Amino acid sequence: MIRLLLLILLLPCSAAAQGSFGGGPSEPADTDAKGARRAFLIGVNDYADAGFAPLRFARHDAEELGSVLEDPRYGGFASVEVLTSGDLSALGIMKALDAWQKTLAPEDFAFLYFSGHGTRQVDEGKRSRVFLAAADTRRDDPLQTALPLQSIQEFLETLPAGRRALVIDACFTGDGKVDSGDADRASKAVLDEELPFSERHREKEAQLFATTFGRPALEQEELEHGVYTAHLIHALTERFDDADLNGDLVVSVAEAHDYARDRTLDGTREVQIPMAFYKVVGREVLILSGDPGSRRRVEAALVSAYDGPQQGLAFFVDGEEKGAFPRTVLVDPGPHIIEFRTKKGAVVDRGRFTFKKEGRYSVSTMRDHLNGGRHLLGVGYAHTWMPGAAFQSDEVPWAAGFRLSYGLRFPSRVPFVRRLGLVVDAVVGFFPSFDSSLDGVDASPMTTLFDIGIGPVLRLDLPYLLLSLQPRFALVNLFREEAVQPYLNWTFGSIGGNFAFGVRPINRLSIQVVYTASLYDVPLQNPKAVDGDQDNDGDVDRAVELSHRAALVVEIGF
């Protein structure tokens, strides 16, 4: 029944708000000073089901954080609603959320917070579903009595506010939030499973979690809070200057999370590992503390990553370590030599990168940039030499033409895999007429070469140089201006390879010399075949022939 009612409440909101986040133009840089900031906080201490131990500080988490957000000295939010008493059932919470969402406007910043127990259910296929526990949630039946986390995420997406943040201080191990005194016991039950809830997040939307799925969320008596929430509050108040990474006089969602995450890791000996789903696009617009209208402009650039593929990578600028992701890192504007390294110190990516004043950069985009881009488009001049016997010519036939190529790089945290990719290239060449070496055979006609090849590529991108090696499989067509014996139109396959050497004046641009060698086996390439020689089995002799191609190519990465 509860599940049905949740869907009834959520679906109308979804229908009203879907489509408001298209690929439209970005908001002006001062958007964070427009609209109202509104918060809704939930804290559940007590549960009807004895399977959930009473919590000591969940209510205090919501109330204290709400006071900070409302305080004009810190958050200065226009409105803050705190739900810690009264109807804390699943249905009651959703009714309250439904009423709150009606107060939001498109330019608002909506902040939603929950502190309490979380739980999980494992189905017959050993797949987990995770829930937030309301006061009336039954531990043996969360599907019908709890708040599905996925439904909360969908509710967040449908809010009419243009900026949104969700913060969850709960764990989903199945045991619920625990006291820090039980941290060692809880750490032994850590799960190693994929996230059973969506990592999807939209632009200008952050989802912060006090702990990673499968790990405990802890309460600590000395802090009188959940550990993560305590440090989040500190970031917005007494430790504001430490949390304000770039010194712009406001603390953003990313800065607050980074501060709280680092202190939570230290305070729990990495038993509790907070996580975030968030992508900084342009100027940070999710402000939790400080006056957005008095925000100071700073020259420093910010580098951020909160997505899975970048987890654990250490960032170095001119040989100095700036920190490991997920987090946001401050970098002085200007050109630098940067590196991304694994936890074991292996260099994943290295190269030159120029940071602009007030620039915002994602790690995934930067790594693609260092490697020339994810998508590579090349164009240039190509000169092809074919075996003379293929044309029955005393001299080696040659064709001038052009070469087009498209390459796709493979994304990965593994250094070797990031050097791999797939390349498709097409060559068009024009052979002039050549005299035949055979008596009674006219000169070969004008011939057009069409050559389409594909194959994996191994690239080595250095700060100023490029080397690559590609096995190549191709389909070749020689189209004659006059298709008469022995110069018929000719289609055949070939195998070979591309070998490229180039210079890189900038990361996304390279000038390359590409040498292509191709092997093929066709009757007309062997002089014996022309004379009709046969082997002992009566078959016409064939010989593997080699063609050559040199190309001068300009390649641009995207």
Protein backbone atom coordinates (compact mmCIF):
# COMPACT_ATOMS: atom_id res chain seq x y z
CA MET A 1 0.00 0.00 0.00
CA ILE A 2 2.77 2.44 0.92
CA ARG A 3 4.58 1.68 -2.32
CA LEU A 4 1.44 2.45 -4.35
CA LEU A 5 0.86 5.71 -2.52
CA LEU A 6 4.50 6.73 -3.11
CA LEU A 7 4.10 6.22 -6.83
CA ILE A 8 0.87 8.24 -6.83
CA LEU A 9 2.67 11.11 -5.10
CA LEU A 10 5.78 10.96 -7.26
CA LEU A 11 4.32 10.50 -10.73
CA PRO A 12 2.38 13.80 -10.94
CA CYS A 13 5.52 15.68 -9.98
CA SER A 14 7.44 13.82 -12.66
CA ALA A 15 4.89 14.68 -15.34
CA ALA A 16 5.00 18.34 -14.39
CA ALA A 17 8.76 18.74 -14.34
CA GLN A 18 10.11 16.36 -16.97
CA GLY A 19 11.82 18.11 -19.85
CA SER A 20 12.98 21.12 -17.84
CA PHE A 21 16.57 19.90 -18.07
CA GLY A 22 17.29 19.76 -21.77
CA GLY A 23 20.53 20.72 -23.50
CA GLY A 24 19.69 24.41 -23.35
CA PRO A 25 22.06 27.34 -22.79
CA SER A 26 23.95 27.63 -19.54
CA GLU A 27 22.84 30.15 -16.94
CA PRO A 28 24.83 33.36 -16.46
CA ALA A 29 27.75 33.25 -14.07
CA ASP A 30 25.79 35.05 -11.33
CA THR A 31 22.87 32.60 -11.34
CA ASP A 32 23.79 31.50 -7.81
CA ALA A 33 22.76 34.97 -6.58
CA LYS A 34 19.30 34.60 -8.10
CA GLY A 35 16.35 32.68 -6.75
CA ALA A 36 15.82 31.48 -3.20
CA ARG A 37 17.62 28.71 -1.36
CA ARG A 38 15.17 26.37 0.36
CA ALA A 39 15.89 23.34 2.51
CA PHE A 40 13.91 20.39 3.80
CA LEU A 41 15.55 18.20 6.45
CA ILE A 42 14.37 14.91 7.96
CA GLY A 43 15.73 13.22 11.08
CA VAL A 44 14.36 9.94 12.45
CA ASN A 45 15.57 8.71 15.84
CA ASP A 46 12.91 6.19 16.88
CA TYR A 47 11.46 3.21 15.04
CA ALA A 48 8.42 1.06 15.77
CA ASP A 49 10.26 -2.08 14.62
CA ALA A 50 12.62 -3.32 17.34
CA GLY A 51 14.87 -4.56 14.53
CA PHE A 52 16.05 -0.97 14.14
CA ALA A 53 17.99 0.22 17.16
CA PRO A 54 17.03 3.74 18.32
CA LEU A 55 19.38 6.44 17.05
CA ARG A 56 20.74 9.12 19.34
CA PHE A 57 21.64 11.91 16.97
CA ALA A 58 19.64 11.67 13.72
CA ARG A 59 17.11 14.22 14.97
CA HIS A 60 19.90 16.45 16.21
CA ASP A 61 21.64 16.13 12.82
CA ALA A 62 18.62 17.54 10.98
CA GLU A 63 17.83 20.21 13.54
CA GLU A 64 21.39 21.51 13.88
CA LEU A 65 22.09 21.49 10.15
CA GLY A 66 18.75 23.23 9.59
CA SER A 67 19.70 25.95 12.09
CA VAL A 68 23.02 26.50 10.31
CA LEU A 69 21.37 26.75 6.90
CA GLU A 70 18.80 29.23 8.26
CA ASP A 71 21.32 31.34 10.19
CA PRO A 72 22.07 34.55 8.21
CA ARG A 73 25.69 34.36 9.40
CA TYR A 74 26.17 31.06 7.58
CA GLY A 75 23.64 29.57 5.20
CA GLY A 76 21.19 32.41 4.95
CA PHE A 77 18.58 30.15 3.32
CA ALA A 78 15.23 31.79 2.58
CA SER A 79 13.29 28.91 4.15
CA VAL A 80 14.19 25.80 6.13
CA GLU A 81 11.70 23.09 7.08
CA VAL A 82 12.75 20.43 9.59
CA LEU A 83 10.76 17.24 10.09
CA THR A 84 11.88 15.40 13.24
CA SER A 85 8.57 14.83 15.05
CA GLY A 86 4.92 14.24 14.30
CA ASP A 87 4.07 11.94 11.40
CA LEU A 88 7.39 10.32 10.45
CA SER A 89 5.80 7.38 8.67
CA ALA A 90 6.76 6.72 5.06
CA LEU A 91 3.45 8.16 3.89
CA GLY A 92 3.74 11.16 6.24
CA ILE A 93 7.23 12.00 4.99
CA MET A 94 6.18 11.81 1.36
CA LYS A 95 3.14 14.01 1.98
CA ALA A 96 5.40 16.59 3.61
CA LEU A 97 7.84 16.44 0.69
CA ASP A 98 5.01 16.81 -1.80
CA ALA A 99 3.84 19.97 -0.01
CA TRP A 100 7.40 21.33 0.07
CA GLN A 101 8.01 20.86 -3.63
CA LYS A 102 5.01 23.10 -4.36
CA THR A 103 6.89 26.00 -2.74
CA LEU A 104 9.81 25.80 -5.17
CA ALA A 105 10.39 28.00 -8.21
CA PRO A 106 12.60 27.37 -11.28
CA GLU A 107 15.41 29.68 -10.11
CA ASP A 108 15.51 28.20 -6.58
CA PHE A 109 18.11 25.96 -4.99
CA ALA A 110 16.40 22.96 -3.30
CA PHE A 111 18.34 21.18 -0.56
CA LEU A 112 16.98 17.84 0.74
CA TYR A 113 18.54 16.05 3.72
CA PHE A 114 17.83 12.77 5.52
CA SER A 115 19.42 11.31 8.65
CA GLY A 116 18.30 7.95 9.97
CA HIS A 117 18.51 4.26 9.30
CA GLY A 118 18.86 2.80 5.87
CA THR A 119 18.19 -0.80 4.97
CA ARG A 120 18.38 -3.18 2.04
CA GLN A 121 16.50 -6.12 0.60
CA VAL A 122 18.11 -8.91 -1.41
CA ASP A 123 15.90 -10.61 -3.97
CA GLU A 124 16.08 -14.18 -5.28
CA GLY A 125 18.63 -13.11 -7.89
CA LYS A 126 20.96 -11.86 -5.12
CA ARG A 127 20.35 -8.26 -6.20
CA SER A 128 20.04 -5.55 -3.58
CA ARG A 129 17.48 -2.79 -3.30
CA VAL A 130 18.07 -0.04 -0.79
CA PHE A 131 15.65 2.03 1.28
CA LEU A 132 15.45 4.85 3.79
CA ALA A 133 13.72 3.68 6.94
CA ALA A 134 10.74 5.71 8.18
CA ALA A 135 9.40 5.44 11.73
CA ASP A 136 6.89 2.76 10.69
CA THR A 137 9.23 0.76 8.42
CA ARG A 138 9.28 -2.98 9.06
CA ARG A 139 12.70 -4.42 8.64
CA ASP A 140 11.33 -7.64 7.18
CA ASP A 141 9.24 -5.79 4.57
CA PRO A 142 10.99 -2.61 3.41
CA LEU A 143 9.47 -2.89 -0.06
CA GLN A 144 6.02 -2.05 1.29
CA THR A 145 6.90 0.10 4.29
CA ALA A 146 10.09 2.07 3.58
CA LEU A 147 11.15 4.86 1.21
CA PRO A 148 12.99 3.43 -1.82
CA LEU A 149 16.14 5.44 -2.40
CA GLN A 150 15.50 5.30 -6.12
CA SER A 151 12.12 6.99 -5.56
CA ILE A 152 13.80 9.75 -3.56
CA GLN A 153 16.31 10.26 -6.39
CA GLU A 154 13.48 10.44 -8.91
CA PHE A 155 11.65 12.90 -6.68
CA LEU A 156 14.77 15.08 -6.62
CA GLU A 157 14.94 15.06 -10.42
CA THR A 158 11.34 16.21 -10.72
CA LEU A 159 11.62 19.19 -8.38
CA PRO A 160 10.89 22.42 -10.26
CA ALA A 161 13.97 24.09 -8.76
CA GLY A 162 16.81 24.58 -11.24
CA ARG A 163 19.50 23.69 -8.65
CA ARG A 164 19.20 20.69 -6.34
CA ALA A 165 21.15 18.76 -3.74
CA LEU A 166 20.39 15.55 -1.85
CA VAL A 167 22.33 14.56 1.29
CA ILE A 168 21.80 11.15 2.88
CA ASP A 169 23.37 10.30 6.27
CA ALA A 170 22.37 6.65 6.45
CA CYS A 171 23.90 3.32 5.57
CA PHE A 172 22.51 0.46 3.52
CA THR A 173 24.27 -2.60 4.93
CA GLY A 174 21.00 -3.91 6.34
CA ASP A 175 22.08 -3.25 9.92
CA GLY A 176 21.35 0.48 9.89
CA LYS A 177 23.45 3.33 11.27
CA VAL A 178 25.70 2.24 14.14
CA ASP A 179 27.58 3.80 17.02
CA SER A 180 31.25 4.52 16.41
CA GLY A 181 32.07 2.06 19.20
CA ASP A 182 30.87 -0.70 16.88
CA ALA A 183 32.97 0.50 13.95
CA ASP A 184 35.38 -2.43 14.07
CA ARG A 185 32.55 -4.95 14.07
CA ALA A 186 30.76 -3.13 11.30
CA SER A 187 33.90 -2.91 9.19
CA LYS A 188 34.18 -6.69 9.11
CA ALA A 189 30.78 -6.92 7.43
CA VAL A 190 31.62 -4.58 4.56
CA LEU A 191 29.94 -5.61 1.32
CA ASP A 192 31.65 -5.55 -2.05
CA GLU A 193 28.82 -5.14 -4.51
CA GLU A 194 27.84 -2.77 -7.28
CA LEU A 195 25.68 0.17 -6.24
CA PRO A 196 22.04 -0.95 -6.21
CA PHE A 197 20.84 2.59 -6.87
CA SER A 198 21.28 5.07 -9.69
CA GLU A 199 24.49 7.04 -10.15
CA ARG A 200 22.67 9.27 -12.60
CA HIS A 201 22.81 12.96 -11.86
CA ARG A 202 21.92 16.01 -13.86
CA GLU A 203 23.66 19.30 -14.38
CA LYS A 204 23.44 21.55 -11.29
CA GLU A 205 22.43 18.58 -9.16
CA ALA A 206 24.51 16.94 -6.42
CA GLN A 207 23.87 13.75 -4.49
CA LEU A 208 26.00 13.32 -1.36
CA PHE A 209 26.12 10.16 0.75
CA ALA A 210 27.66 9.83 4.20
CA THR A 211 29.02 6.43 3.27
CA THR A 212 29.53 4.09 0.35
CA PHE A 213 27.04 1.29 -0.19
CA GLY A 214 27.98 -1.71 1.92
CA ARG A 215 29.86 0.34 4.50
CA PRO A 216 28.49 1.61 7.84
CA ALA A 217 27.49 5.16 8.67
CA LEU A 218 28.57 5.99 12.20
CA GLU A 219 27.28 8.14 15.05
CA GLN A 220 29.85 9.50 17.47
CA GLU A 221 29.06 10.61 21.01
CA GLU A 222 31.92 13.14 21.16
CA LEU A 223 30.52 14.87 18.07
CA GLU A 224 26.86 14.44 19.13
CA HIS A 225 26.09 13.82 15.48
CA GLY A 226 26.50 11.38 12.71
CA VAL A 227 30.19 11.62 11.81
CA TYR A 228 29.68 12.91 8.27
CA THR A 229 26.98 15.42 9.23
CA ALA A 230 29.13 16.78 12.07
CA HIS A 231 31.97 17.61 9.68
CA LEU A 232 29.52 18.96 7.09
CA ILE A 233 28.24 21.41 9.73
CA HIS A 234 31.81 22.34 10.66
CA ALA A 235 32.57 23.11 7.01
CA LEU A 236 29.70 25.61 6.94
CA THR A 237 30.52 27.26 10.27
CA GLU A 238 33.66 27.15 12.41
CA ARG A 239 35.85 25.56 9.72
CA PHE A 240 34.50 27.77 6.92
CA ASP A 241 37.94 29.12 5.98
CA ASP A 242 39.39 25.61 5.70
CA ALA A 243 36.50 24.39 3.59
CA ASP A 244 36.50 27.45 1.29
CA LEU A 245 39.07 25.95 -1.04
CA ASN A 246 39.34 28.79 -3.56
CA GLY A 247 38.80 31.66 -1.15
CA ASP A 248 35.71 33.08 -2.88
CA LEU A 249 33.98 33.63 0.49
CA VAL A 250 31.34 30.94 -0.02
CA VAL A 251 31.34 27.19 0.66
CA SER A 252 29.83 25.17 -2.14
CA VAL A 253 28.37 21.67 -2.03
CA ALA A 254 31.60 20.26 -3.45
CA GLU A 255 33.79 22.10 -0.94
CA ALA A 256 31.61 21.07 2.01
CA HIS A 257 31.60 17.44 0.90
CA ASP A 258 35.36 17.36 0.33
CA TYR A 259 35.98 18.75 3.82
CA ALA A 260 33.51 16.34 5.46
CA ARG A 261 34.79 13.37 3.48
CA ASP A 262 38.43 13.90 4.45
CA ARG A 263 37.59 14.29 8.15
CA THR A 264 35.21 11.32 8.10
CA LEU A 265 37.88 9.10 6.55
CA ASP A 266 40.38 10.17 9.19
CA GLY A 267 37.93 9.95 12.10
CA THR A 268 36.69 6.45 11.24
CA ARG A 269 40.02 5.02 10.01
CA GLU A 270 38.46 4.73 6.54
CA VAL A 271 35.70 2.41 7.75
CA GLN A 272 33.17 5.02 6.58
CA ILE A 273 33.87 6.37 3.08
CA PRO A 274 31.53 9.16 1.94
CA MET A 275 30.72 9.45 -1.76
CA ALA A 276 29.21 12.00 -4.11
CA PHE A 277 27.59 12.05 -7.53
CA TYR A 278 28.25 15.50 -8.88
CA LYS A 279 29.76 17.15 -11.94
CA VAL A 280 30.86 20.76 -11.71
CA VAL A 281 29.87 22.50 -14.94
CA GLY A 282 31.02 26.09 -15.21
CA ARG A 283 30.92 28.22 -12.10
CA GLU A 284 29.82 26.39 -8.96
CA VAL A 285 26.19 27.35 -8.26
CA LEU A 286 25.26 25.08 -5.33
CA ILE A 287 26.15 27.31 -2.37
CA LEU A 288 25.56 26.14 1.22
CA SER A 289 27.28 28.82 3.30
CA GLY A 290 28.25 32.43 2.71
CA ASP A 291 26.48 35.18 0.79
CA PRO A 292 26.27 34.32 -2.94
CA GLY A 293 25.66 38.01 -3.69
CA SER A 294 28.99 38.98 -2.11
CA ARG A 295 30.94 36.15 -3.66
CA ARG A 296 34.48 37.15 -4.57
CA ARG A 297 35.89 36.34 -7.98
CA VAL A 298 39.19 34.47 -7.86
CA GLU A 299 41.71 33.69 -10.56
CA ALA A 300 42.44 30.11 -9.55
CA ALA A 301 41.15 27.22 -11.64
CA LEU A 302 39.32 24.24 -10.17
CA VAL A 303 39.75 20.61 -11.21
CA SER A 304 37.07 18.21 -9.99
CA ALA A 305 35.95 14.60 -10.33
CA TYR A 306 33.34 12.64 -8.40
CA ASP A 307 32.59 9.88 -10.92
CA GLY A 308 33.67 6.25 -10.66
CA PRO A 309 36.38 6.00 -13.35
CA GLN A 310 38.49 8.68 -11.64
CA GLN A 311 38.27 7.24 -8.11
CA GLY A 312 41.66 6.93 -6.46
CA LEU A 313 43.69 8.78 -9.11
CA ALA A 314 46.26 11.15 -7.66
CA PHE A 315 46.74 14.52 -9.36
CA PHE A 316 50.19 16.10 -9.77
CA VAL A 317 50.96 19.61 -11.03
CA ASP A 318 54.60 20.33 -11.93
CA GLY A 319 55.62 17.34 -9.82
CA GLU A 320 53.65 18.40 -6.73
CA GLU A 321 50.77 16.20 -5.56
CA LYS A 322 47.51 18.12 -5.23
CA GLY A 323 45.34 15.31 -3.89
CA ALA A 324 43.51 12.17 -4.90
CA PHE A 325 40.04 12.06 -6.41
CA PRO A 326 37.13 12.22 -5.72
CA ARG A 327 37.48 15.88 -4.78
CA THR A 328 37.96 19.38 -6.15
CA VAL A 329 41.53 20.67 -6.51
CA LEU A 330 42.77 24.25 -6.79
CA VAL A 331 45.33 25.05 -9.55
CA ASP A 332 47.08 28.32 -10.42
CA PRO A 333 46.18 29.56 -13.91
CA GLY A 334 48.73 29.19 -16.70
CA PRO A 335 50.61 26.31 -18.38
CA HIS A 336 51.67 23.32 -16.28
CA ILE A 337 52.93 19.78 -16.65
CA ILE A 338 50.26 17.58 -15.07
CA GLU A 339 50.09 13.89 -14.25
CA PHE A 340 47.45 11.43 -13.12
CA ARG A 341 48.79 8.46 -11.18
CA THR A 342 47.32 5.30 -9.68
CA LYS A 343 47.53 4.52 -5.96
CA LYS A 344 50.66 2.49 -6.71
CA GLY A 345 52.31 5.46 -8.41
CA ALA A 346 51.96 4.35 -12.03
CA VAL A 347 51.53 7.31 -14.40
CA VAL A 348 48.22 6.96 -16.24
CA ASP A 349 48.34 10.25 -18.17
CA ARG A 350 50.94 13.00 -18.45
CA GLY A 351 51.23 16.14 -20.54
CA ARG A 352 51.03 19.89 -20.88
CA PHE A 353 47.84 21.68 -19.90
CA THR A 354 47.00 25.36 -19.70
CA PHE A 355 44.52 26.45 -17.04
CA LYS A 356 42.48 29.60 -17.54
CA LYS A 357 41.56 32.06 -14.82
CA GLU A 358 38.41 30.94 -12.99
CA GLY A 359 38.36 27.84 -15.19
CA ARG A 360 36.43 24.71 -14.18
CA TYR A 361 37.76 21.41 -15.47
CA SER A 362 36.59 17.82 -15.18
CA VAL A 363 39.24 15.13 -14.85
CA SER A 364 37.76 12.95 -17.58
CA THR A 365 37.89 15.83 -20.08
CA MET A 366 41.44 16.70 -19.08
CA ARG A 367 42.62 13.13 -19.48
CA ASP A 368 41.10 12.93 -22.92
CA HIS A 369 42.79 16.22 -23.77
CA LEU A 370 46.20 14.94 -22.69
CA ASN A 371 45.82 11.98 -25.00
CA GLY A 372 44.76 14.06 -27.98
CA GLY A 373 41.05 13.60 -27.41
CA ARG A 374 38.57 10.71 -27.35
CA HIS A 375 37.64 11.21 -31.01
CA LEU A 376 40.38 11.79 -33.58
CA LEU A 377 39.82 13.13 -37.08
CA GLY A 378 42.67 13.10 -39.60
CA VAL A 379 43.04 14.42 -43.14
CA GLY A 380 46.05 14.63 -45.42
CA TYR A 381 47.90 13.80 -48.64
CA ALA A 382 48.58 10.13 -49.49
CA HIS A 383 50.98 8.66 -52.08
CA THR A 384 50.58 4.99 -52.98
CA TRP A 385 53.01 2.66 -54.78
CA MET A 386 51.72 -0.64 -56.17
CA PRO A 387 53.79 -3.61 -57.38
CA GLY A 388 54.70 -3.08 -61.02
CA ALA A 389 53.56 -6.57 -61.99
CA ALA A 390 50.03 -5.72 -60.93
CA PHE A 391 49.86 -3.39 -63.92
CA GLN A 392 52.32 -5.36 -66.11
CA SER A 393 54.53 -2.29 -65.95
CA ASP A 394 58.31 -1.99 -65.90
CA GLU A 395 58.11 0.92 -63.51
CA VAL A 396 56.37 1.01 -60.15
CA PRO A 397 52.90 2.54 -60.60
CA TRP A 398 52.14 5.36 -58.22
CA ALA A 399 48.98 7.22 -57.26
CA ALA A 400 48.59 10.64 -55.70
CA GLY A 401 45.52 11.12 -53.54
CA PHE A 402 44.21 11.91 -50.08
CA ARG A 403 43.56 10.09 -46.80
CA LEU A 404 40.73 10.52 -44.26
CA SER A 405 40.68 8.79 -40.88
CA TYR A 406 38.59 8.55 -37.75
CA GLY A 407 39.89 7.16 -34.48
CA LEU A 408 38.18 6.29 -31.20
CA ARG A 409 40.14 6.06 -27.94
CA PHE A 410 39.18 3.55 -25.24
CA PRO A 411 38.44 5.16 -21.83
CA SER A 412 39.93 3.33 -18.86
CA ARG A 413 41.86 3.80 -15.64
CA VAL A 414 44.36 1.20 -16.88
CA PRO A 415 47.26 3.04 -18.55
CA PHE A 416 47.76 0.43 -21.30
CA VAL A 417 44.07 0.32 -22.24
CA ARG A 418 43.97 4.12 -22.55
CA ARG A 419 46.64 3.85 -25.22
CA LEU A 420 44.43 1.55 -27.29
CA GLY A 421 41.77 2.51 -29.76
CA LEU A 422 40.15 1.74 -33.08
CA VAL A 423 40.91 3.53 -36.37
CA VAL A 424 39.04 3.53 -39.67
CA ASP A 425 40.75 5.15 -42.64
CA ALA A 426 39.88 5.66 -46.30
CA VAL A 427 42.32 6.44 -49.11
CA VAL A 428 41.52 7.61 -52.62
CA GLY A 429 44.35 7.60 -55.17
CA PHE A 430 44.62 8.32 -58.89
CA PHE A 431 46.99 6.24 -61.05
CA PRO A 432 48.04 7.74 -64.36
CA SER A 433 48.43 5.53 -67.42
CA PHE A 434 51.54 3.31 -67.52
CA ASP A 435 53.06 1.46 -70.44
CA SER A 436 52.75 -2.32 -70.29
CA SER A 437 55.75 -4.60 -70.19
CA LEU A 438 53.86 -7.25 -72.21
CA ASP A 439 53.99 -7.49 -75.97
CA GLY A 440 50.71 -6.67 -77.62
CA VAL A 441 49.17 -5.17 -74.49
CA ASP A 442 48.23 -1.52 -74.50
CA ALA A 443 49.19 0.89 -71.76
CA SER A 444 47.20 0.58 -68.57
CA PRO A 445 44.25 2.98 -68.40
CA MET A 446 43.74 5.71 -65.84
CA THR A 447 42.85 3.96 -62.57
CA THR A 448 41.21 5.17 -59.34
CA LEU A 449 42.16 3.47 -56.09
CA PHE A 450 39.62 3.11 -53.26
CA ASP A 451 41.07 1.66 -50.07
CA ILE A 452 39.07 1.35 -46.81
CA GLY A 453 40.81 -0.13 -43.77
CA ILE A 454 40.10 -0.77 -40.11
CA GLY A 455 42.05 -2.05 -37.14
CA PRO A 456 43.03 -1.57 -33.50
CA VAL A 457 45.72 0.96 -32.73
CA LEU A 458 48.33 1.35 -30.01
CA ARG A 459 49.30 5.00 -29.43
CA LEU A 460 52.06 6.51 -27.38
CA ASP A 461 51.32 10.19 -26.74
CA LEU A 462 54.33 12.09 -25.46
CA PRO A 463 54.35 15.80 -24.50
CA TYR A 464 55.57 16.80 -27.98
CA LEU A 465 55.62 13.57 -29.98
CA LEU A 466 53.29 10.82 -31.12
CA LEU A 467 54.00 7.21 -32.09
CA SER A 468 51.39 4.68 -33.16
CA LEU A 469 51.16 1.15 -34.54
CA GLN A 470 48.03 -0.30 -36.15
CA PRO A 471 47.37 -3.74 -37.67
CA ARG A 472 45.16 -3.01 -40.66
CA PHE A 473 42.60 -5.03 -42.63
CA ALA A 474 41.42 -3.41 -45.84
CA LEU A 475 39.19 -3.78 -48.87
CA VAL A 476 40.76 -2.39 -52.03
CA ASN A 477 39.15 -1.52 -55.36
CA LEU A 478 40.94 -0.47 -58.56
CA PHE A 479 38.42 1.16 -60.86
CA ARG A 480 39.65 1.38 -64.48
CA GLU A 481 38.70 4.14 -66.84
CA GLU A 482 38.57 1.42 -69.53
CA ALA A 483 37.74 -2.01 -68.15
CA VAL A 484 39.23 -4.34 -70.78
CA GLN A 485 41.52 -7.37 -70.52
CA PRO A 486 43.91 -7.56 -68.83
CA TYR A 487 42.95 -4.37 -66.96
CA LEU A 488 39.58 -5.22 -65.48
CA ASN A 489 38.17 -3.49 -62.43
CA TRP A 490 39.82 -5.25 -59.54
CA THR A 491 38.61 -5.78 -55.95
CA PHE A 492 40.62 -7.63 -53.34
CA GLY A 493 41.45 -7.73 -49.63
CA SER A 494 44.72 -6.90 -47.96
CA ILE A 495 46.38 -7.10 -44.59
CA GLY A 496 49.14 -4.88 -43.32
CA GLY A 497 49.80 -2.10 -40.91
CA ASN A 498 50.03 1.64 -40.33
CA PHE A 499 53.10 3.09 -38.64
CA ALA A 500 52.85 6.76 -37.62
CA PHE A 501 55.30 9.26 -36.23
CA GLY A 502 54.28 12.81 -35.51
CA VAL A 503 54.82 16.03 -33.61
CA ARG A 504 52.28 17.58 -31.24
CA PRO A 505 52.53 21.38 -31.04
CA ILE A 506 49.45 21.23 -28.80
CA ASN A 507 47.74 18.26 -27.15
CA ARG A 508 44.78 18.03 -29.50
CA LEU A 509 46.72 18.65 -32.72
CA SER A 510 49.35 16.43 -34.31
CA ILE A 511 51.16 16.44 -37.66
CA GLN A 512 52.05 12.90 -38.66
CA VAL A 513 53.90 10.93 -41.28
CA VAL A 514 52.03 7.65 -41.76
CA TYR A 515 53.61 4.70 -43.55
CA THR A 516 51.30 1.89 -44.68
CA ALA A 517 52.45 -1.52 -45.87
CA SER A 518 49.84 -3.88 -47.37
CA LEU A 519 50.14 -7.51 -48.42
CA TYR A 520 47.78 -9.19 -50.87
CA ASP A 521 47.64 -12.32 -52.99
CA VAL A 522 46.03 -12.01 -56.44
CA PRO A 523 46.86 -13.73 -59.77
CA LEU A 524 47.79 -10.65 -61.80
CA GLN A 525 50.57 -9.75 -59.39
CA ASN A 526 52.76 -12.69 -60.37
CA PRO A 527 54.52 -12.60 -63.75
CA LYS A 528 54.17 -16.40 -63.82
CA ALA A 529 50.41 -15.96 -63.67
CA VAL A 530 50.50 -13.71 -66.70
CA ASP A 531 52.45 -16.35 -68.66
CA GLY A 532 50.01 -19.00 -67.50
CA ASP A 533 52.57 -21.03 -65.51
CA GLN A 534 51.09 -23.75 -63.37
CA ASP A 535 52.32 -25.73 -60.40
CA ASN A 536 52.22 -29.53 -60.08
CA ASP A 537 48.55 -29.42 -59.09
CA GLY A 538 47.60 -27.48 -62.20
CA ASP A 539 46.90 -24.25 -60.26
CA VAL A 540 48.25 -20.94 -61.42
CA ASP A 541 51.12 -19.80 -59.25
CA ARG A 542 50.49 -16.86 -56.97
CA ALA A 543 52.86 -14.71 -54.97
CA VAL A 544 52.26 -12.38 -52.05
CA GLU A 545 52.93 -8.81 -53.14
CA LEU A 546 53.64 -5.71 -51.11
CA SER A 547 52.32 -2.19 -51.69
CA HIS A 548 53.52 0.93 -49.94
CA ARG A 549 51.91 4.20 -48.97
CA ALA A 550 53.20 7.37 -47.34
CA ALA A 551 50.84 10.03 -46.04
CA LEU A 552 51.26 13.43 -44.44
CA VAL A 553 48.31 13.87 -42.08
CA VAL A 554 46.98 16.54 -39.75
CA GLU A 555 44.96 15.02 -36.89
CA ILE A 556 42.66 16.91 -34.54
CA GLY A 557 41.19 15.50 -31.32
CA PHE A 558 37.75 16.19 -29.86
